[in-house]
């Protein structure tokens, strides 16, 4: 039996609201498929130290957020090129930017 799940758009709205309530800033940088698009979340603190997270499949179906761009990068062009490549491969991906301390904790609390 297929279990119902939230649409990508609903997950994003929930996450942005949670970040806002905790004093941070979140925005959609690229829209993907409203229903089933996957999410890339770019986490920052005061515009610095970008980290890119993606929800990887897990055997039990629970969220499994992994850092896919943990490199310290002063070269924003490298990250932009990586993202452009991902968008060419999967145009349904959403890109969300969160600027808040401990964004990873908030994402985990959301329990997508």
C-alpha atoms as a PDB file:
ATOM      1  CA  UNK A   1       0.000   0.000   0.000  1.00  0.00           C
ATOM      2  CA  UNK A   2       1.269   3.458  -0.880  1.00  0.00           C
ATOM      3  CA  UNK A   3       1.363   5.851   2.038  1.00  0.00           C
ATOM      4  CA  UNK A   4       0.330   9.455   1.456  1.00  0.00           C
ATOM      5  CA  UNK A   5       3.087  12.031   1.632  1.00  0.00           C
ATOM      6  CA  UNK A   6       3.385  15.771   1.539  1.00  0.00           C
ATOM      7  CA  UNK A   7       4.044  17.476  -1.759  1.00  0.00           C
ATOM      8  CA  UNK A   8       7.432  19.102  -2.307  1.00  0.00           C
ATOM      9  CA  UNK A   9       5.785  22.516  -2.262  1.00  0.00           C
ATOM     10  CA  UNK A  10       4.138  21.837   1.122  1.00  0.00           C
ATOM     11  CA  UNK A  11       7.436  20.642   2.621  1.00  0.00           C
ATOM     12  CA  UNK A  12       9.155  23.796   1.408  1.00  0.00           C
ATOM     13  CA  UNK A  13       6.456  26.110   2.773  1.00  0.00           C
ATOM     14  CA  UNK A  14       6.693  24.355   6.131  1.00  0.00           C
ATOM     15  CA  UNK A  15      10.479  24.623   6.205  1.00  0.00           C
ATOM     16  CA  UNK A  16      10.495  28.316   5.241  1.00  0.00           C
ATOM     17  CA  UNK A  17       7.901  29.083   7.908  1.00  0.00           C
ATOM     18  CA  UNK A  18       9.946  27.217  10.548  1.00  0.00           C
ATOM     19  CA  UNK A  19      13.126  29.095   9.620  1.00  0.00           C
ATOM     20  CA  UNK A  20      11.278  32.421   9.739  1.00  0.00           C
ATOM     21  CA  UNK A  21       9.814  31.624  13.169  1.00  0.00           C
ATOM     22  CA  UNK A  22      13.327  30.920  14.431  1.00  0.00           C
ATOM     23  CA  UNK A  23      14.676  34.285  13.263  1.00  0.00           C
ATOM     24  CA  UNK A  24      16.326  33.151  10.067  1.00  0.00           C
ATOM     25  CA  UNK A  25      15.805  33.836   6.394  1.00  0.00           C
ATOM     26  CA  UNK A  26      14.767  31.320   3.778  1.00  0.00           C
ATOM     27  CA  UNK A  27      13.956  31.642   0.124  1.00  0.00           C
ATOM     28  CA  UNK A  28      13.315  29.561  -2.972  1.00  0.00           C
ATOM     29  CA  UNK A  29      16.164  30.025  -5.467  1.00  0.00           C
ATOM     30  CA  UNK A  30      14.800  27.581  -8.050  1.00  0.00           C
ATOM     31  CA  UNK A  31      11.386  26.027  -8.326  1.00  0.00           C
ATOM     32  CA  UNK A  32      11.018  22.399  -9.250  1.00  0.00           C
ATOM     33  CA  UNK A  33       8.079  20.048  -9.626  1.00  0.00           C
ATOM     34  CA  UNK A  34       5.318  21.109  -7.196  1.00  0.00           C
ATOM     35  CA  UNK A  35       4.339  17.576  -6.251  1.00  0.00           C
ATOM     36  CA  UNK A  36       7.332  15.287  -6.421  1.00  0.00           C
ATOM     37  CA  UNK A  37      10.413  17.433  -6.988  1.00  0.00           C
ATOM     38  CA  UNK A  38      13.413  16.630  -4.856  1.00  0.00           C
ATOM     39  CA  UNK A  39      14.953  19.269  -2.604  1.00  0.00           C
ATOM     40  CA  UNK A  40      18.441  20.687  -2.384  1.00  0.00           C
ATOM     41  CA  UNK A  41      18.895  22.925   0.632  1.00  0.00           C
ATOM     42  CA  UNK A  42      21.742  25.402   0.737  1.00  0.00           C
ATOM     43  CA  UNK A  43      22.460  26.262   4.377  1.00  0.00           C
ATOM     44  CA  UNK A  44      24.433  29.347   5.357  1.00  0.00           C
ATOM     45  CA  UNK A  45      25.153  31.472   8.397  1.00  0.00           C
ATOM     46  CA  UNK A  46      25.260  35.214   7.746  1.00  0.00           C
ATOM     47  CA  UNK A  47      25.835  34.511   4.063  1.00  0.00           C
ATOM     48  CA  UNK A  48      28.976  32.464   4.733  1.00  0.00           C
ATOM     49  CA  UNK A  49      30.026  28.805   4.721  1.00  0.00           C
ATOM     50  CA  UNK A  50      27.548  27.269   2.245  1.00  0.00           C
ATOM     51  CA  UNK A  51      26.577  23.663   2.840  1.00  0.00           C
ATOM     52  CA  UNK A  52      24.353  21.772   0.452  1.00  0.00           C
ATOM     53  CA  UNK A  53      22.015  19.083   1.787  1.00  0.00           C
ATOM     54  CA  UNK A  54      19.955  16.504  -0.042  1.00  0.00           C
ATOM     55  CA  UNK A  55      17.481  13.939   1.272  1.00  0.00           C
ATOM     56  CA  UNK A  56      18.899  10.535   0.339  1.00  0.00           C
ATOM     57  CA  UNK A  57      16.748   7.402   0.183  1.00  0.00           C
ATOM     58  CA  UNK A  58      16.720   5.239   3.294  1.00  0.00           C
ATOM     59  CA  UNK A  59      15.482   1.707   3.808  1.00  0.00           C
ATOM     60  CA  UNK A  60      12.953   2.661   6.461  1.00  0.00           C
ATOM     61  CA  UNK A  61      11.545   5.649   4.557  1.00  0.00           C
ATOM     62  CA  UNK A  62      12.656   8.185   7.166  1.00  0.00           C
ATOM     63  CA  UNK A  63      14.385  11.405   6.144  1.00  0.00           C
ATOM     64  CA  UNK A  64      18.108  10.986   5.635  1.00  0.00           C
ATOM     65  CA  UNK A  65      19.595  14.427   4.985  1.00  0.00           C
ATOM     66  CA  UNK A  66      23.189  14.218   3.799  1.00  0.00           C
ATOM     67  CA  UNK A  67      25.745  16.912   3.073  1.00  0.00           C
ATOM     68  CA  UNK A  68      26.596  16.709  -0.593  1.00  0.00           C
ATOM     69  CA  UNK A  69      28.661  19.894  -0.700  1.00  0.00           C
ATOM     70  CA  UNK A  70      30.646  20.054   2.522  1.00  0.00           C
ATOM     71  CA  UNK A  71      33.710  21.635   0.952  1.00  0.00           C
ATOM     72  CA  UNK A  72      34.822  25.005   2.180  1.00  0.00           C
ATOM     73  CA  UNK A  73      34.477  27.022  -0.945  1.00  0.00           C
ATOM     74  CA  UNK A  74      35.506  30.600  -1.331  1.00  0.00           C
ATOM     75  CA  UNK A  75      34.853  30.104  -5.027  1.00  0.00           C
ATOM     76  CA  UNK A  76      31.083  30.493  -5.462  1.00  0.00           C
ATOM     77  CA  UNK A  77      31.542  29.641  -9.138  1.00  0.00           C
ATOM     78  CA  UNK A  78      32.351  26.011  -8.278  1.00  0.00           C
ATOM     79  CA  UNK A  79      29.089  25.641  -6.382  1.00  0.00           C
ATOM     80  CA  UNK A  80      27.153  27.385  -9.164  1.00  0.00           C
ATOM     81  CA  UNK A  81      28.632  25.039 -11.760  1.00  0.00           C
ATOM     82  CA  UNK A  82      27.761  22.008  -9.639  1.00  0.00           C
ATOM     83  CA  UNK A  83      24.165  23.227  -9.232  1.00  0.00           C
ATOM     84  CA  UNK A  84      23.819  23.980 -12.958  1.00  0.00           C
ATOM     85  CA  UNK A  85      24.939  20.431 -13.712  1.00  0.00           C
ATOM     86  CA  UNK A  86      22.379  19.012 -11.263  1.00  0.00           C
ATOM     87  CA  UNK A  87      19.577  21.119 -12.801  1.00  0.00           C
ATOM     88  CA  UNK A  88      20.471  19.905 -16.288  1.00  0.00           C
ATOM     89  CA  UNK A  89      20.313  16.322 -15.050  1.00  0.00           C
ATOM     90  CA  UNK A  90      17.052  16.798 -13.091  1.00  0.00           C
ATOM     91  CA  UNK A  91      15.008  19.921 -13.930  1.00  0.00           C
ATOM     92  CA  UNK A  92      12.414  19.031 -11.248  1.00  0.00           C
ATOM     93  CA  UNK A  93      14.797  19.810  -8.351  1.00  0.00           C
ATOM     94  CA  UNK A  94      14.012  22.667  -5.977  1.00  0.00           C
ATOM     95  CA  UNK A  95      16.843  24.793  -4.553  1.00  0.00           C
ATOM     96  CA  UNK A  96      16.125  26.392  -1.202  1.00  0.00           C
ATOM     97  CA  UNK A  97      18.486  28.724   0.658  1.00  0.00           C
ATOM     98  CA  UNK A  98      18.370  28.978   4.437  1.00  0.00           C
ATOM     99  CA  UNK A  99      20.398  31.565   6.316  1.00  0.00           C
ATOM    100  CA  UNK A 100      20.161  30.602   9.972  1.00  0.00           C
ATOM    101  CA  UNK A 101      22.509  29.120  12.570  1.00  0.00           C
ATOM    102  CA  UNK A 102      22.158  25.345  12.941  1.00  0.00           C
ATOM    103  CA  UNK A 103      19.953  24.905   9.872  1.00  0.00           C
ATOM    104  CA  UNK A 104      20.636  21.185   9.856  1.00  0.00           C
ATOM    105  CA  UNK A 105      18.933  20.854  13.252  1.00  0.00           C
ATOM    106  CA  UNK A 106      15.811  22.651  12.014  1.00  0.00           C
ATOM    107  CA  UNK A 107      15.642  20.450   8.940  1.00  0.00           C
ATOM    108  CA  UNK A 108      15.906  17.333  11.092  1.00  0.00           C
ATOM    109  CA  UNK A 109      13.205  18.640  13.479  1.00  0.00           C
ATOM    110  CA  UNK A 110      10.839  19.173  10.593  1.00  0.00           C
ATOM    111  CA  UNK A 111      10.858  15.418  10.092  1.00  0.00           C
ATOM    112  CA  UNK A 112      10.101  15.347   6.391  1.00  0.00           C
END
